[in-house]
Amino acid sequence: MMSSTSYAQTVLALIAVLALIVACAWVLRRVQRPQGGASNPLRVRGQLMVGARERIVLVEIGDTWIVTGVASGNVRQLAVLPRQEDDAPADGPADAARPDFRALLARFGKP
């Protein structure tokens, strides 16, 4: 049988290990935090997933937007655009281009 002293040592050792894990996680989070702010000219404006591991990313650098294709182990520049002041498309909201679902059903003869 173990004595109460060995139980206490085991519990204290377990608490010390758990505290060490929490401290390491905190340090990693502090070190890996992206440095944002006015001094950083690079900013991700948006991204769109186009596959399981592929996406399109819009990056703003100064007065330029760069459209990049990102895949596993591969980043390619797709287009370079001048910076736009308004995030909305010039032709209006995207919902204006979509027809009403009821209108589509009516057109195909469904009640």
Protein backbone atom coordinates (compact mmCIF):
# COMPACT_ATOMS: atom_id res chain seq x y z
CA MET A 1 0.00 0.00 0.00
CA MET A 2 1.11 3.52 -0.70
CA SER A 3 1.38 5.93 2.19
CA SER A 4 -0.33 9.31 2.28
CA THR A 5 3.04 10.99 1.64
CA SER A 6 3.49 9.20 -1.69
CA TYR A 7 -0.11 10.11 -2.70
CA ALA A 8 0.60 13.75 -1.95
CA GLN A 9 3.83 13.64 -3.98
CA THR A 10 1.99 12.06 -6.92
CA VAL A 11 -0.78 14.68 -6.83
CA LEU A 12 1.73 17.54 -6.57
CA ALA A 13 3.74 16.14 -9.49
CA LEU A 14 0.55 15.88 -11.58
CA ILE A 15 -0.39 19.49 -10.75
CA ALA A 16 3.13 20.64 -11.66
CA VAL A 17 2.98 18.87 -15.04
CA LEU A 18 -0.46 20.34 -15.82
CA ALA A 19 0.74 23.82 -14.84
CA LEU A 20 3.77 23.40 -17.11
CA ILE A 21 1.51 22.43 -20.05
CA VAL A 22 -0.72 25.47 -19.49
CA ALA A 23 2.32 27.76 -19.23
CA CYS A 24 3.79 26.40 -22.48
CA ALA A 25 0.46 26.90 -24.29
CA TRP A 26 0.27 30.48 -23.03
CA VAL A 27 3.83 31.24 -24.18
CA LEU A 28 3.19 29.73 -27.63
CA ARG A 29 0.04 31.77 -28.04
CA ARG A 30 1.90 34.96 -27.12
CA VAL A 31 4.81 34.21 -29.47
CA GLN A 32 2.67 33.18 -32.47
CA ARG A 33 0.20 36.07 -32.28
CA PRO A 34 0.23 37.99 -35.58
CA GLN A 35 1.58 41.49 -35.28
CA GLY A 36 -1.19 43.73 -36.58
CA GLY A 37 -1.62 47.44 -36.46
CA ALA A 38 -0.72 50.47 -38.50
CA SER A 39 2.91 49.43 -38.92
CA ASN A 40 2.00 46.21 -40.79
CA PRO A 41 1.30 46.99 -44.48
CA LEU A 42 0.15 43.39 -45.23
CA ARG A 43 -3.50 42.56 -44.60
CA VAL A 44 -5.73 39.65 -45.65
CA ARG A 45 -8.94 41.16 -47.01
CA GLY A 46 -10.81 37.88 -47.58
CA GLN A 47 -10.60 34.29 -48.64
CA LEU A 48 -12.77 31.77 -50.44
CA MET A 49 -12.48 27.99 -50.16
CA VAL A 50 -12.64 26.43 -53.62
CA GLY A 51 -11.71 22.88 -52.65
CA ALA A 52 -10.75 20.69 -49.74
CA ARG A 53 -7.27 22.22 -49.53
CA GLU A 54 -7.47 25.03 -52.07
CA ARG A 55 -8.54 28.61 -51.51
CA ILE A 56 -8.36 32.04 -53.09
CA VAL A 57 -6.98 34.78 -50.84
CA LEU A 58 -7.20 38.55 -51.37
CA VAL A 59 -4.18 40.27 -49.81
CA GLU A 60 -3.85 44.04 -49.44
CA ILE A 61 -0.36 45.52 -49.54
CA GLY A 62 -0.35 49.30 -49.42
CA ASP A 63 -2.45 50.51 -52.37
CA THR A 64 -2.45 47.15 -54.16
CA TRP A 65 -4.64 44.06 -53.85
CA ILE A 66 -3.10 40.73 -54.84
CA VAL A 67 -5.36 37.77 -55.59
CA THR A 68 -3.54 34.53 -54.78
CA GLY A 69 -4.37 30.88 -55.18
CA VAL A 70 -3.28 28.84 -52.17
CA ALA A 71 -3.00 25.05 -52.22
CA SER A 72 -1.05 22.62 -50.10
CA GLY A 73 2.58 23.67 -50.49
CA ASN A 74 1.83 26.09 -53.32
CA VAL A 75 0.95 29.80 -53.52
CA ARG A 76 0.40 31.48 -56.91
CA GLN A 77 -0.41 35.02 -57.86
CA LEU A 78 -3.61 35.12 -59.90
CA ALA A 79 -4.11 38.88 -60.35
CA VAL A 80 -2.89 42.28 -59.16
CA LEU A 81 -5.56 44.94 -58.70
CA PRO A 82 -5.51 48.57 -57.57
CA ARG A 83 -6.96 49.06 -54.10
CA GLN A 84 -10.69 49.71 -54.13
CA GLU A 85 -12.28 52.07 -51.61
CA ASP A 86 -15.67 50.34 -51.51
CA ASP A 87 -15.83 46.62 -50.68
CA ALA A 88 -19.21 46.22 -52.43
CA PRO A 89 -19.23 45.38 -56.16
CA ALA A 90 -19.78 48.31 -58.52
CA ASP A 91 -22.95 46.78 -60.04
CA GLY A 92 -24.78 46.56 -56.68
CA PRO A 93 -25.36 43.85 -54.11
CA ALA A 94 -25.09 40.20 -55.10
CA ASP A 95 -28.71 39.53 -54.07
CA ALA A 96 -30.02 41.86 -56.79
CA ALA A 97 -28.72 39.54 -59.52
CA ARG A 98 -30.49 36.46 -58.10
CA PRO A 99 -34.06 35.89 -59.23
CA ASP A 100 -36.78 35.15 -56.71
CA PHE A 101 -37.34 31.42 -56.11
CA ARG A 102 -41.13 31.82 -56.41
CA ALA A 103 -40.68 33.51 -59.78
CA LEU A 104 -38.57 30.61 -61.00
CA LEU A 105 -41.17 28.06 -59.90
CA ALA A 106 -43.94 30.09 -61.54
CA ARG A 107 -41.98 30.23 -64.78
CA PHE A 108 -41.73 26.42 -64.87
CA GLY A 109 -45.45 25.96 -64.20
CA LYS A 110 -45.24 24.82 -60.58
CA PRO A 111 -47.95 26.23 -58.27
